[in-house]
Amino acid sequence: MNRIKTIHSSLAIEQYTLSLEQVSDVINGKRVLAAPKEIQEVKNAYEAYEKLRKLEPYSLEDLLKAHKYMMSNLVSEAGTFRSRGVGVYAGEQLIHAGMPAQYVPEIMAFSDLRDRSRGL
């Protein structure tokens, strides 16, 4: 039940509309009337939780695996570093530009994830 509540809460943060019962129904393989993206996100999150214990928390390779589980059938680059620019927009106005895509793999590999988790 905690996993279902966690998935439901995570989706609610993203403004998704599925109820707790609908999240449970998706996980249990029942048909749910909802946006396909919302249903896919529930399935992906559940799969990620199922495989979580097999992932090394400080492994860059496993971070990409987790990304693939979470974003499969939602984005074209699931499980890989992005190849395009990203930004935060307020309407049409760019508020913050993300790091250029070509630098992301190098920056991610630069510092051991274990060090980052300790704030080093």
PDB file of N, CA and C in Angstrom:
ATOM      1  N   MET A   1       0.827  -1.200   0.000  1.00  0.00           N
ATOM      2  CA  MET A   1       0.000   0.000   0.000  1.00  0.00           C
ATOM      3  C   MET A   1       0.867   1.258   0.000  1.00  0.00           C
ATOM      4  N   ASN A   2       2.006   1.209   0.726  1.00  0.00           N
ATOM      5  CA  ASN A   2       2.899   2.371   0.753  1.00  0.00           C
ATOM      6  C   ASN A   2       3.430   2.701  -0.643  1.00  0.00           C
ATOM      7  N   ARG A   3       3.741   1.679  -1.422  1.00  0.00           N
ATOM      8  CA  ARG A   3       4.246   1.899  -2.777  1.00  0.00           C
ATOM      9  C   ARG A   3       3.175   2.582  -3.626  1.00  0.00           C
ATOM     10  N   ILE A   4       1.944   2.139  -3.503  1.00  0.00           N
ATOM     11  CA  ILE A   4       0.845   2.739  -4.268  1.00  0.00           C
ATOM     12  C   ILE A   4       0.666   4.199  -3.854  1.00  0.00           C
ATOM     13  N   LYS A   5       0.718   4.467  -2.559  1.00  0.00           N
ATOM     14  CA  LYS A   5       0.581   5.844  -2.077  1.00  0.00           C
ATOM     15  C   LYS A   5       1.738   6.720  -2.565  1.00  0.00           C
ATOM     16  N   THR A   6       2.938   6.159  -2.582  1.00  0.00           N
ATOM     17  CA  THR A   6       4.102   6.918  -3.052  1.00  0.00           C
ATOM     18  C   THR A   6       3.971   7.254  -4.521  1.00  0.00           C
ATOM     19  N   ILE A   7       3.575   6.281  -5.325  1.00  0.00           N
ATOM     20  CA  ILE A   7       3.387   6.522  -6.760  1.00  0.00           C
ATOM     21  C   ILE A   7       2.287   7.561  -6.965  1.00  0.00           C
ATOM     22  N   HIS A   8       1.193   7.418  -6.265  1.00  0.00           N
ATOM     23  CA  HIS A   8       0.091   8.374  -6.380  1.00  0.00           C
ATOM     24  C   HIS A   8       0.549   9.780  -6.017  1.00  0.00           C
ATOM     25  N   SER A   9       1.283   9.920  -4.927  1.00  0.00           N
ATOM     26  CA  SER A   9       1.756  11.235  -4.490  1.00  0.00           C
ATOM     27  C   SER A   9       2.730  11.842  -5.493  1.00  0.00           C
ATOM     28  N   SER A  10       3.609  11.031  -6.042  1.00  0.00           N
ATOM     29  CA  SER A  10       4.567  11.521  -7.035  1.00  0.00           C
ATOM     30  C   SER A  10       3.847  12.038  -8.271  1.00  0.00           C
ATOM     31  N   LEU A  11       2.833  11.328  -8.704  1.00  0.00           N
ATOM     32  CA  LEU A  11       2.068  11.759  -9.869  1.00  0.00           C
ATOM     33  C   LEU A  11       1.260  13.024  -9.556  1.00  0.00           C
ATOM     34  N   ALA A  12       0.742  13.111  -8.352  1.00  0.00           N
ATOM     35  CA  ALA A  12      -0.044  14.291  -7.965  1.00  0.00           C
ATOM     36  C   ALA A  12       0.814  15.549  -8.013  1.00  0.00           C
ATOM     37  N   ILE A  13       2.090  15.441  -7.652  1.00  0.00           N
ATOM     38  CA  ILE A  13       3.005  16.581  -7.723  1.00  0.00           C
ATOM     39  C   ILE A  13       3.102  17.084  -9.154  1.00  0.00           C
ATOM     40  N   GLU A  14       3.017  16.156 -10.106  1.00  0.00           N
ATOM     41  CA  GLU A  14       3.105  16.507 -11.531  1.00  0.00           C
ATOM     42  C   GLU A  14       1.742  16.898 -12.113  1.00  0.00           C
ATOM     43  N   GLN A  15       0.758  17.114 -11.258  1.00  0.00           N
ATOM     44  CA  GLN A  15      -0.587  17.542 -11.661  1.00  0.00           C
ATOM     45  C   GLN A  15      -1.388  16.452 -12.367  1.00  0.00           C
ATOM     46  N   TYR A  16      -1.035  15.200 -12.137  1.00  0.00           N
ATOM     47  CA  TYR A  16      -1.812  14.115 -12.721  1.00  0.00           C
ATOM     48  C   TYR A  16      -3.067  13.919 -11.894  1.00  0.00           C
ATOM     49  N   THR A  17      -4.078  13.328 -12.514  1.00  0.00           N
ATOM     50  CA  THR A  17      -5.405  13.300 -11.889  1.00  0.00           C
ATOM     51  C   THR A  17      -5.836  11.927 -11.390  1.00  0.00           C
ATOM     52  N   LEU A  18      -5.003  10.919 -11.527  1.00  0.00           N
ATOM     53  CA  LEU A  18      -5.415   9.580 -11.101  1.00  0.00           C
ATOM     54  C   LEU A  18      -5.646   9.535  -9.594  1.00  0.00           C
ATOM     55  N   SER A  19      -6.712   8.855  -9.216  1.00  0.00           N
ATOM     56  CA  SER A  19      -6.999   8.665  -7.792  1.00  0.00           C
ATOM     57  C   SER A  19      -6.128   7.528  -7.260  1.00  0.00           C
ATOM     58  N   LEU A  20      -6.087   7.395  -5.962  1.00  0.00           N
ATOM     59  CA  LEU A  20      -5.350   6.304  -5.330  1.00  0.00           C
ATOM     60  C   LEU A  20      -5.883   4.957  -5.817  1.00  0.00           C
ATOM     61  N   GLU A  21      -7.194   4.855  -5.935  1.00  0.00           N
ATOM     62  CA  GLU A  21      -7.819   3.610  -6.416  1.00  0.00           C
ATOM     63  C   GLU A  21      -7.418   3.321  -7.864  1.00  0.00           C
ATOM     64  N   GLN A  22      -7.370   4.352  -8.693  1.00  0.00           N
ATOM     65  CA  GLN A  22      -6.980   4.146 -10.086  1.00  0.00           C
ATOM     66  C   GLN A  22      -5.516   3.694 -10.195  1.00  0.00           C
ATOM     67  N   VAL A  23      -4.643   4.279  -9.387  1.00  0.00           N
ATOM     68  CA  VAL A  23      -3.235   3.848  -9.374  1.00  0.00           C
ATOM     69  C   VAL A  23      -3.167   2.382  -8.992  1.00  0.00           C
ATOM     70  N   SER A  24      -3.893   2.004  -7.975  1.00  0.00           N
ATOM     71  CA  SER A  24      -3.937   0.607  -7.545  1.00  0.00           C
ATOM     72  C   SER A  24      -4.463  -0.298  -8.655  1.00  0.00           C
ATOM     73  N   ASP A  25      -5.496   0.145  -9.344  1.00  0.00           N
ATOM     74  CA  ASP A  25      -6.067  -0.644 -10.434  1.00  0.00           C
ATOM     75  C   ASP A  25      -5.069  -0.828 -11.579  1.00  0.00           C
ATOM     76  N   VAL A  26      -4.341   0.225 -11.933  1.00  0.00           N
ATOM     77  CA  VAL A  26      -3.328   0.111 -12.995  1.00  0.00           C
ATOM     78  C   VAL A  26      -2.285  -0.920 -12.595  1.00  0.00           C
ATOM     79  N   ILE A  27      -1.799  -0.845 -11.379  1.00  0.00           N
ATOM     80  CA  ILE A  27      -0.782  -1.780 -10.891  1.00  0.00           C
ATOM     81  C   ILE A  27      -1.305  -3.210 -10.897  1.00  0.00           C
ATOM     82  N   ASN A  28      -2.583  -3.367 -10.622  1.00  0.00           N
ATOM     83  CA  ASN A  28      -3.180  -4.703 -10.577  1.00  0.00           C
ATOM     84  C   ASN A  28      -3.693  -5.170 -11.941  1.00  0.00           C
ATOM     85  N   GLY A  29      -3.371  -4.422 -12.995  1.00  0.00           N
ATOM     86  CA  GLY A  29      -3.717  -4.845 -14.347  1.00  0.00           C
ATOM     87  C   GLY A  29      -5.152  -4.604 -14.768  1.00  0.00           C
ATOM     88  N   LYS A  30      -5.876  -3.810 -14.006  1.00  0.00           N
ATOM     89  CA  LYS A  30      -7.258  -3.507 -14.356  1.00  0.00           C
ATOM     90  C   LYS A  30      -7.296  -2.341 -15.343  1.00  0.00           C
ATOM     91  N   ARG A  31      -8.386  -2.265 -16.099  1.00  0.00           N
ATOM     92  CA  ARG A  31      -8.560  -1.157 -17.036  1.00  0.00           C
ATOM     93  C   ARG A  31      -8.946   0.105 -16.274  1.00  0.00           C
ATOM     94  N   VAL A  32      -8.325   1.204 -16.681  1.00  0.00           N
ATOM     95  CA  VAL A  32      -8.586   2.496 -16.047  1.00  0.00           C
ATOM     96  C   VAL A  32      -8.805   3.519 -17.144  1.00  0.00           C
ATOM     97  N   LEU A  33      -9.839   4.315 -17.003  1.00  0.00           N
ATOM     98  CA  LEU A  33     -10.101   5.386 -17.947  1.00  0.00           C
ATOM     99  C   LEU A  33      -9.278   6.600 -17.515  1.00  0.00           C
ATOM    100  N   ALA A  34      -8.176   6.830 -18.253  1.00  0.00           N
ATOM    101  CA  ALA A  34      -7.277   7.942 -17.935  1.00  0.00           C
ATOM    102  C   ALA A  34      -6.377   8.184 -19.134  1.00  0.00           C
ATOM    103  N   ALA A  35      -5.657   9.271 -19.068  1.00  0.00           N
ATOM    104  CA  ALA A  35      -4.705   9.590 -20.140  1.00  0.00           C
ATOM    105  C   ALA A  35      -3.646   8.490 -20.226  1.00  0.00           C
ATOM    106  N   PRO A  36      -3.310   8.043 -21.431  1.00  0.00           N
ATOM    107  CA  PRO A  36      -2.298   6.985 -21.581  1.00  0.00           C
ATOM    108  C   PRO A  36      -0.967   7.323 -20.898  1.00  0.00           C
ATOM    109  N   LYS A  37      -0.583   8.593 -20.924  1.00  0.00           N
ATOM    110  CA  LYS A  37       0.675   8.995 -20.285  1.00  0.00           C
ATOM    111  C   LYS A  37       0.625   8.743 -18.781  1.00  0.00           C
ATOM    112  N   GLU A  38      -0.489   9.040 -18.160  1.00  0.00           N
ATOM    113  CA  GLU A  38      -0.619   8.831 -16.721  1.00  0.00           C
ATOM    114  C   GLU A  38      -0.532   7.338 -16.389  1.00  0.00           C
ATOM    115  N   ILE A  39      -1.193   6.529 -17.183  1.00  0.00           N
ATOM    116  CA  ILE A  39      -1.165   5.075 -16.963  1.00  0.00           C
ATOM    117  C   ILE A  39       0.248   4.555 -17.145  1.00  0.00           C
ATOM    118  N   GLN A  40       0.947   5.036 -18.176  1.00  0.00           N
ATOM    119  CA  GLN A  40       2.319   4.593 -18.425  1.00  0.00           C
ATOM    120  C   GLN A  40       3.240   4.996 -17.277  1.00  0.00           C
ATOM    121  N   GLU A  41       3.051   6.190 -16.742  1.00  0.00           N
ATOM    122  CA  GLU A  41       3.893   6.629 -15.623  1.00  0.00           C
ATOM    123  C   GLU A  41       3.694   5.745 -14.393  1.00  0.00           C
ATOM    124  N   VAL A  42       2.469   5.319 -14.143  1.00  0.00           N
ATOM    125  CA  VAL A  42       2.210   4.404 -13.019  1.00  0.00           C
ATOM    126  C   VAL A  42       2.936   3.085 -13.260  1.00  0.00           C
ATOM    127  N   LYS A  43       2.794   2.531 -14.450  1.00  0.00           N
ATOM    128  CA  LYS A  43       3.453   1.264 -14.774  1.00  0.00           C
ATOM    129  C   LYS A  43       4.967   1.387 -14.657  1.00  0.00           C
ATOM    130  N   ASN A  44       5.512   2.471 -15.162  1.00  0.00           N
ATOM    131  CA  ASN A  44       6.952   2.676 -15.104  1.00  0.00           C
ATOM    132  C   ASN A  44       7.449   2.801 -13.664  1.00  0.00           C
ATOM    133  N   ALA A  45       6.745   3.588 -12.865  1.00  0.00           N
ATOM    134  CA  ALA A  45       7.148   3.770 -11.474  1.00  0.00           C
ATOM    135  C   ALA A  45       7.097   2.444 -10.728  1.00  0.00           C
ATOM    136  N   TYR A  46       6.074   1.660 -10.982  1.00  0.00           N
ATOM    137  CA  TYR A  46       5.961   0.371 -10.316  1.00  0.00           C
ATOM    138  C   TYR A  46       7.129  -0.542 -10.710  1.00  0.00           C
ATOM    139  N   GLU A  47       7.468  -0.556 -12.004  1.00  0.00           N
ATOM    140  CA  GLU A  47       8.602  -1.371 -12.452  1.00  0.00           C
ATOM    141  C   GLU A  47       9.898  -0.904 -11.795  1.00  0.00           C
ATOM    142  N   ALA A  48      10.086   0.396 -11.705  1.00  0.00           N
ATOM    143  CA  ALA A  48      11.297   0.924 -11.067  1.00  0.00           C
ATOM    144  C   ALA A  48      11.386   0.472  -9.613  1.00  0.00           C
ATOM    145  N   TYR A  49      10.272   0.537  -8.896  1.00  0.00           N
ATOM    146  CA  TYR A  49      10.268   0.083  -7.512  1.00  0.00           C
ATOM    147  C   TYR A  49      10.575  -1.409  -7.410  1.00  0.00           C
ATOM    148  N   GLU A  50      10.062  -2.182  -8.340  1.00  0.00           N
ATOM    149  CA  GLU A  50      10.312  -3.623  -8.335  1.00  0.00           C
ATOM    150  C   GLU A  50      11.798  -3.940  -8.523  1.00  0.00           C
ATOM    151  N   LYS A  51      12.499  -3.123  -9.294  1.00  0.00           N
ATOM    152  CA  LYS A  51      13.901  -3.380  -9.608  1.00  0.00           C
ATOM    153  C   LYS A  51      14.864  -2.585  -8.738  1.00  0.00           C
ATOM    154  N   LEU A  52      14.350  -1.765  -7.869  1.00  0.00           N
ATOM    155  CA  LEU A  52      15.154  -0.862  -7.067  1.00  0.00           C
ATOM    156  C   LEU A  52      16.223  -1.573  -6.239  1.00  0.00           C
ATOM    157  N   ARG A  53      15.892  -2.678  -5.640  1.00  0.00           N
ATOM    158  CA  ARG A  53      16.839  -3.387  -4.775  1.00  0.00           C
ATOM    159  C   ARG A  53      18.037  -3.947  -5.535  1.00  0.00           C
ATOM    160  N   LYS A  54      17.900  -4.094  -6.850  1.00  0.00           N
ATOM    161  CA  LYS A  54      18.985  -4.626  -7.668  1.00  0.00           C
ATOM    162  C   LYS A  54      19.917  -3.525  -8.175  1.00  0.00           C
ATOM    163  N   LEU A  55      19.580  -2.281  -7.915  1.00  0.00           N
ATOM    164  CA  LEU A  55      20.378  -1.161  -8.414  1.00  0.00           C
ATOM    165  C   LEU A  55      21.355  -0.676  -7.350  1.00  0.00           C
ATOM    166  N   GLU A  56      22.557  -0.362  -7.795  1.00  0.00           N
ATOM    167  CA  GLU A  56      23.578   0.213  -6.920  1.00  0.00           C
ATOM    168  C   GLU A  56      23.319   1.717  -6.858  1.00  0.00           C
ATOM    169  N   PRO A  57      23.077   2.276  -5.685  1.00  0.00           N
ATOM    170  CA  PRO A  57      22.685   3.683  -5.601  1.00  0.00           C
ATOM    171  C   PRO A  57      23.758   4.673  -6.054  1.00  0.00           C
ATOM    172  N   TYR A  58      25.014   4.261  -6.104  1.00  0.00           N
ATOM    173  CA  TYR A  58      26.081   5.175  -6.491  1.00  0.00           C
ATOM    174  C   TYR A  58      26.630   4.889  -7.884  1.00  0.00           C
ATOM    175  N   SER A  59      25.941   4.071  -8.645  1.00  0.00           N
ATOM    176  CA  SER A  59      26.386   3.703  -9.986  1.00  0.00           C
ATOM    177  C   SER A  59      25.730   4.588 -11.033  1.00  0.00           C
ATOM    178  N   LEU A  60      26.551   5.220 -11.853  1.00  0.00           N
ATOM    179  CA  LEU A  60      26.022   6.039 -12.935  1.00  0.00           C
ATOM    180  C   LEU A  60      25.256   5.172 -13.929  1.00  0.00           C
ATOM    181  N   GLU A  61      25.761   3.984 -14.185  1.00  0.00           N
ATOM    182  CA  GLU A  61      25.073   3.047 -15.084  1.00  0.00           C
ATOM    183  C   GLU A  61      23.687   2.695 -14.543  1.00  0.00           C
ATOM    184  N   ASP A  62      23.591   2.459 -13.234  1.00  0.00           N
ATOM    185  CA  ASP A  62      22.296   2.122 -12.642  1.00  0.00           C
ATOM    186  C   ASP A  62      21.363   3.327 -12.554  1.00  0.00           C
ATOM    187  N   LEU A  63      21.928   4.526 -12.455  1.00  0.00           N
ATOM    188  CA  LEU A  63      21.101   5.730 -12.517  1.00  0.00           C
ATOM    189  C   LEU A  63      20.403   5.805 -13.868  1.00  0.00           C
ATOM    190  N   LEU A  64      21.147   5.499 -14.928  1.00  0.00           N
ATOM    191  CA  LEU A  64      20.552   5.500 -16.264  1.00  0.00           C
ATOM    192  C   LEU A  64      19.528   4.370 -16.424  1.00  0.00           C
ATOM    193  N   LYS A  65      19.773   3.229 -15.780  1.00  0.00           N
ATOM    194  CA  LYS A  65      18.783   2.145 -15.806  1.00  0.00           C
ATOM    195  C   LYS A  65      17.486   2.605 -15.135  1.00  0.00           C
ATOM    196  N   ALA A  66      17.615   3.250 -13.993  1.00  0.00           N
ATOM    197  CA  ALA A  66      16.428   3.741 -13.281  1.00  0.00           C
ATOM    198  C   ALA A  66      15.678   4.758 -14.139  1.00  0.00           C
ATOM    199  N   HIS A  67      16.420   5.612 -14.826  1.00  0.00           N
ATOM    200  CA  HIS A  67      15.800   6.585 -15.721  1.00  0.00           C
ATOM    201  C   HIS A  67      15.039   5.864 -16.830  1.00  0.00           C
ATOM    202  N   LYS A  68      15.626   4.790 -17.340  1.00  0.00           N
ATOM    203  CA  LYS A  68      14.951   4.025 -18.393  1.00  0.00           C
ATOM    204  C   LYS A  68      13.652   3.409 -17.870  1.00  0.00           C
ATOM    205  N   TYR A  69      13.701   2.852 -16.675  1.00  0.00           N
ATOM    206  CA  TYR A  69      12.484   2.274 -16.097  1.00  0.00           C
ATOM    207  C   TYR A  69      11.405   3.349 -15.950  1.00  0.00           C
ATOM    208  N   MET A  70      11.794   4.518 -15.436  1.00  0.00           N
ATOM    209  CA  MET A  70      10.819   5.569 -15.153  1.00  0.00           C
ATOM    210  C   MET A  70      10.275   6.251 -16.419  1.00  0.00           C
ATOM    211  N   MET A  71      11.092   6.334 -17.457  1.00  0.00           N
ATOM    212  CA  MET A  71      10.705   7.133 -18.615  1.00  0.00           C
ATOM    213  C   MET A  71      10.402   6.312 -19.868  1.00  0.00           C
ATOM    214  N   SER A  72      10.450   5.007 -19.765  1.00  0.00           N
ATOM    215  CA  SER A  72      10.182   4.139 -20.906  1.00  0.00           C
ATOM    216  C   SER A  72       8.811   4.441 -21.508  1.00  0.00           C
ATOM    217  N   ASN A  73       8.760   4.528 -22.817  1.00  0.00           N
ATOM    218  CA  ASN A  73       7.535   4.839 -23.570  1.00  0.00           C
ATOM    219  C   ASN A  73       6.968   6.225 -23.274  1.00  0.00           C
ATOM    220  N   LEU A  74       7.776   7.079 -22.665  1.00  0.00           N
ATOM    221  CA  LEU A  74       7.354   8.456 -22.387  1.00  0.00           C
ATOM    222  C   LEU A  74       8.248   9.470 -23.089  1.00  0.00           C
ATOM    223  N   VAL A  75       9.547   9.185 -23.116  1.00  0.00           N
ATOM    224  CA  VAL A  75      10.503  10.059 -23.803  1.00  0.00           C
ATOM    225  C   VAL A  75      11.394   9.202 -24.687  1.00  0.00           C
ATOM    226  N   SER A  76      11.892   9.803 -25.742  1.00  0.00           N
ATOM    227  CA  SER A  76      12.693   9.033 -26.702  1.00  0.00           C
ATOM    228  C   SER A  76      14.065   8.646 -26.164  1.00  0.00           C
ATOM    229  N   GLU A  77      14.603   9.375 -25.222  1.00  0.00           N
ATOM    230  CA  GLU A  77      15.948   9.099 -24.723  1.00  0.00           C
ATOM    231  C   GLU A  77      15.943   8.447 -23.340  1.00  0.00           C
ATOM    232  N   ALA A  78      14.950   7.648 -23.059  1.00  0.00           N
ATOM    233  CA  ALA A  78      14.878   6.979 -21.757  1.00  0.00           C
ATOM    234  C   ALA A  78      16.119   6.122 -21.546  1.00  0.00           C
ATOM    235  N   GLY A  79      16.790   6.339 -20.425  1.00  0.00           N
ATOM    236  CA  GLY A  79      17.965   5.545 -20.087  1.00  0.00           C
ATOM    237  C   GLY A  79      19.266   6.064 -20.668  1.00  0.00           C
ATOM    238  N   THR A  80      19.228   7.250 -21.269  1.00  0.00           N
ATOM    239  CA  THR A  80      20.436   7.851 -21.824  1.00  0.00           C
ATOM    240  C   THR A  80      20.507   9.313 -21.402  1.00  0.00           C
ATOM    241  N   PHE A  81      21.689   9.879 -21.555  1.00  0.00           N
ATOM    242  CA  PHE A  81      21.809  11.312 -21.319  1.00  0.00           C
ATOM    243  C   PHE A  81      21.129  12.050 -22.461  1.00  0.00           C
ATOM    244  N   ARG A  82      20.565  13.189 -22.158  1.00  0.00           N
ATOM    245  CA  ARG A  82      19.840  13.945 -23.178  1.00  0.00           C
ATOM    246  C   ARG A  82      20.792  14.451 -24.255  1.00  0.00           C
ATOM    247  N   SER A  83      20.240  14.630 -25.442  1.00  0.00           N
ATOM    248  CA  SER A  83      21.036  15.110 -26.567  1.00  0.00           C
ATOM    249  C   SER A  83      20.612  16.507 -27.017  1.00  0.00           C
ATOM    250  N   ARG A  84      19.651  17.082 -26.321  1.00  0.00           N
ATOM    251  CA  ARG A  84      19.134  18.402 -26.684  1.00  0.00           C
ATOM    252  C   ARG A  84      19.146  19.325 -25.478  1.00  0.00           C
ATOM    253  N   GLY A  85      19.021  20.607 -25.751  1.00  0.00           N
ATOM    254  CA  GLY A  85      18.938  21.578 -24.676  1.00  0.00           C
ATOM    255  C   GLY A  85      17.617  21.495 -23.942  1.00  0.00           C
ATOM    256  N   VAL A  86      17.617  21.940 -22.709  1.00  0.00           N
ATOM    257  CA  VAL A  86      16.400  21.999 -21.895  1.00  0.00           C
ATOM    258  C   VAL A  86      16.387  23.328 -21.163  1.00  0.00           C
ATOM    259  N   GLY A  87      15.212  23.717 -20.723  1.00  0.00           N
ATOM    260  CA  GLY A  87      15.103  24.951 -19.977  1.00  0.00           C
ATOM    261  C   GLY A  87      13.798  25.021 -19.218  1.00  0.00           C
ATOM    262  N   VAL A  88      13.738  25.983 -18.341  1.00  0.00           N
ATOM    263  CA  VAL A  88      12.523  26.267 -17.585  1.00  0.00           C
ATOM    264  C   VAL A  88      11.936  27.538 -18.186  1.00  0.00           C
ATOM    265  N   TYR A  89      10.666  27.461 -18.535  1.00  0.00           N
ATOM    266  CA  TYR A  89      10.004  28.573 -19.202  1.00  0.00           C
ATOM    267  C   TYR A  89       8.819  29.078 -18.387  1.00  0.00           C
ATOM    268  N   ALA A  90       8.587  30.369 -18.488  1.00  0.00           N
ATOM    269  CA  ALA A  90       7.365  31.001 -17.993  1.00  0.00           C
ATOM    270  C   ALA A  90       6.663  31.482 -19.254  1.00  0.00           C
ATOM    271  N   GLY A  91       5.735  30.671 -19.731  1.00  0.00           N
ATOM    272  CA  GLY A  91       5.122  30.959 -21.025  1.00  0.00           C
ATOM    273  C   GLY A  91       6.163  30.765 -22.106  1.00  0.00           C
ATOM    274  N   GLU A  92       6.448  31.801 -22.856  1.00  0.00           N
ATOM    275  CA  GLU A  92       7.454  31.752 -23.921  1.00  0.00           C
ATOM    276  C   GLU A  92       8.830  32.215 -23.450  1.00  0.00           C
ATOM    277  N   GLN A  93       8.917  32.739 -22.224  1.00  0.00           N
ATOM    278  CA  GLN A  93      10.174  33.316 -21.739  1.00  0.00           C
ATOM    279  C   GLN A  93      11.023  32.259 -21.039  1.00  0.00           C
ATOM    280  N   LEU A  94      12.271  32.130 -21.483  1.00  0.00           N
ATOM    281  CA  LEU A  94      13.230  31.221 -20.857  1.00  0.00           C
ATOM    282  C   LEU A  94      13.683  31.822 -19.535  1.00  0.00           C
ATOM    283  N   ILE A  95      13.471  31.093 -18.455  1.00  0.00           N
ATOM    284  CA  ILE A  95      13.851  31.549 -17.119  1.00  0.00           C
ATOM    285  C   ILE A  95      15.215  30.979 -16.726  1.00  0.00           C
ATOM    286  N   HIS A  96      15.452  29.708 -17.093  1.00  0.00           N
ATOM    287  CA  HIS A  96      16.720  29.052 -16.771  1.00  0.00           C
ATOM    288  C   HIS A  96      17.050  28.042 -17.864  1.00  0.00           C
ATOM    289  N   ALA A  97      18.263  28.109 -18.378  1.00  0.00           N
ATOM    290  CA  ALA A  97      18.727  27.145 -19.380  1.00  0.00           C
ATOM    291  C   ALA A  97      19.561  26.080 -18.681  1.00  0.00           C
ATOM    292  N   GLY A  98      19.289  24.819 -19.008  1.00  0.00           N
ATOM    293  CA  GLY A  98      20.073  23.733 -18.454  1.00  0.00           C
ATOM    294  C   GLY A  98      21.454  23.686 -19.098  1.00  0.00           C
ATOM    295  N   MET A  99      22.320  22.909 -18.495  1.00  0.00           N
ATOM    296  CA  MET A  99      23.654  22.723 -19.049  1.00  0.00           C
ATOM    297  C   MET A  99      23.545  22.206 -20.483  1.00  0.00           C
ATOM    298  N   PRO A 100      24.379  22.694 -21.388  1.00  0.00           N
ATOM    299  CA  PRO A 100      24.352  22.175 -22.753  1.00  0.00           C
ATOM    300  C   PRO A 100      24.501  20.649 -22.763  1.00  0.00           C
ATOM    301  N   ALA A 101      23.720  19.995 -23.586  1.00  0.00           N
ATOM    302  CA  ALA A 101      23.633  18.533 -23.591  1.00  0.00           C
ATOM    303  C   ALA A 101      24.975  17.846 -23.782  1.00  0.00           C
ATOM    304  N   GLN A 102      25.853  18.413 -24.599  1.00  0.00           N
ATOM    305  CA  GLN A 102      27.112  17.736 -24.883  1.00  0.00           C
ATOM    306  C   GLN A 102      28.010  17.624 -23.655  1.00  0.00           C
ATOM    307  N   TYR A 103      27.754  18.416 -22.600  1.00  0.00           N
ATOM    308  CA  TYR A 103      28.573  18.366 -21.389  1.00  0.00           C
ATOM    309  C   TYR A 103      28.013  17.448 -20.305  1.00  0.00           C
ATOM    310  N   VAL A 104      26.783  17.039 -20.431  1.00  0.00           N
ATOM    311  CA  VAL A 104      26.130  16.280 -19.363  1.00  0.00           C
ATOM    312  C   VAL A 104      26.867  14.974 -19.035  1.00  0.00           C
ATOM    313  N   PRO A 105      27.208  14.113 -20.008  1.00  0.00           N
ATOM    314  CA  PRO A 105      27.908  12.873 -19.645  1.00  0.00           C
ATOM    315  C   PRO A 105      29.233  13.119 -18.922  1.00  0.00           C
ATOM    316  N   GLU A 106      29.975  14.090 -19.380  1.00  0.00           N
ATOM    317  CA  GLU A 106      31.276  14.391 -18.766  1.00  0.00           C
ATOM    318  C   GLU A 106      31.112  14.894 -17.333  1.00  0.00           C
ATOM    319  N   ILE A 107      30.164  15.787 -17.126  1.00  0.00           N
ATOM    320  CA  ILE A 107      29.927  16.329 -15.785  1.00  0.00           C
ATOM    321  C   ILE A 107      29.428  15.235 -14.848  1.00  0.00           C
ATOM    322  N   MET A 108      28.552  14.397 -15.336  1.00  0.00           N
ATOM    323  CA  MET A 108      28.030  13.313 -14.500  1.00  0.00           C
ATOM    324  C   MET A 108      29.130  12.322 -14.126  1.00  0.00           C
ATOM    325  N   ALA A 109      30.057  12.059 -15.034  1.00  0.00           N
ATOM    326  CA  ALA A 109      31.140  11.119 -14.768  1.00  0.00           C
ATOM    327  C   ALA A 109      32.280  11.762 -13.982  1.00  0.00           C
ATOM    328  N   PHE A 110      32.341  13.087 -13.981  1.00  0.00           N
ATOM    329  CA  PHE A 110      33.453  13.808 -13.364  1.00  0.00           C
ATOM    330  C   PHE A 110      33.602  13.494 -11.885  1.00  0.00           C
ATOM    331  N   SER A 111      32.514  13.526 -11.188  1.00  0.00           N
ATOM    332  CA  SER A 111      32.544  13.314  -9.744  1.00  0.00           C
ATOM    333  C   SER A 111      31.794  12.038  -9.407  1.00  0.00           C
ATOM    334  N   ASP A 112      32.398  11.230  -8.592  1.00  0.00           N
ATOM    335  CA  ASP A 112      31.764   9.993  -8.157  1.00  0.00           C
ATOM    336  C   ASP A 112      30.427  10.310  -7.490  1.00  0.00           C
ATOM    337  N   LEU A 113      29.389   9.576  -7.864  1.00  0.00           N
ATOM    338  CA  LEU A 113      28.053   9.812  -7.286  1.00  0.00           C
ATOM    339  C   LEU A 113      28.063   9.641  -5.776  1.00  0.00           C
ATOM    340  N   ARG A 114      28.913   8.785  -5.271  1.00  0.00           N
ATOM    341  CA  ARG A 114      29.004   8.579  -3.826  1.00  0.00           C
ATOM    342  C   ARG A 114      29.454   9.880  -3.155  1.00  0.00           C
ATOM    343  N   ASP A 115      30.430  10.585  -3.773  1.00  0.00           N
ATOM    344  CA  ASP A 115      30.897  11.848  -3.220  1.00  0.00           C
ATOM    345  C   ASP A 115      29.797  12.890  -3.228  1.00  0.00           C
ATOM    346  N   ARG A 116      29.015  12.931  -4.317  1.00  0.00           N
ATOM    347  CA  ARG A 116      27.932  13.900  -4.408  1.00  0.00           C
ATOM    348  C   ARG A 116      26.877  13.653  -3.333  1.00  0.00           C
ATOM    349  N   SER A 117      26.633  12.385  -3.029  1.00  0.00           N
ATOM    350  CA  SER A 117      25.604  12.083  -2.027  1.00  0.00           C
ATOM    351  C   SER A 117      26.032  12.536  -0.640  1.00  0.00           C
ATOM    352  N   ARG A 118      27.334  12.686  -0.430  1.00  0.00           N
ATOM    353  CA  ARG A 118      27.847  13.132   0.868  1.00  0.00           C
ATOM    354  C   ARG A 118      28.089  14.636   0.871  1.00  0.00           C
ATOM    355  N   GLY A 119      27.759  15.296  -0.251  1.00  0.00           N
ATOM    356  CA  GLY A 119      27.923  16.734  -0.327  1.00  0.00           C
ATOM    357  C   GLY A 119      29.349  17.165  -0.608  1.00  0.00           C
ATOM    358  N   LEU A 120      30.183  16.263  -1.126  1.00  0.00           N
ATOM    359  CA  LEU A 120      31.583  16.609  -1.425  1.00  0.00           C
ATOM    360  C   LEU A 120      31.741  17.139  -2.814  1.00  0.00           C
TER     361      LEU A 120
END
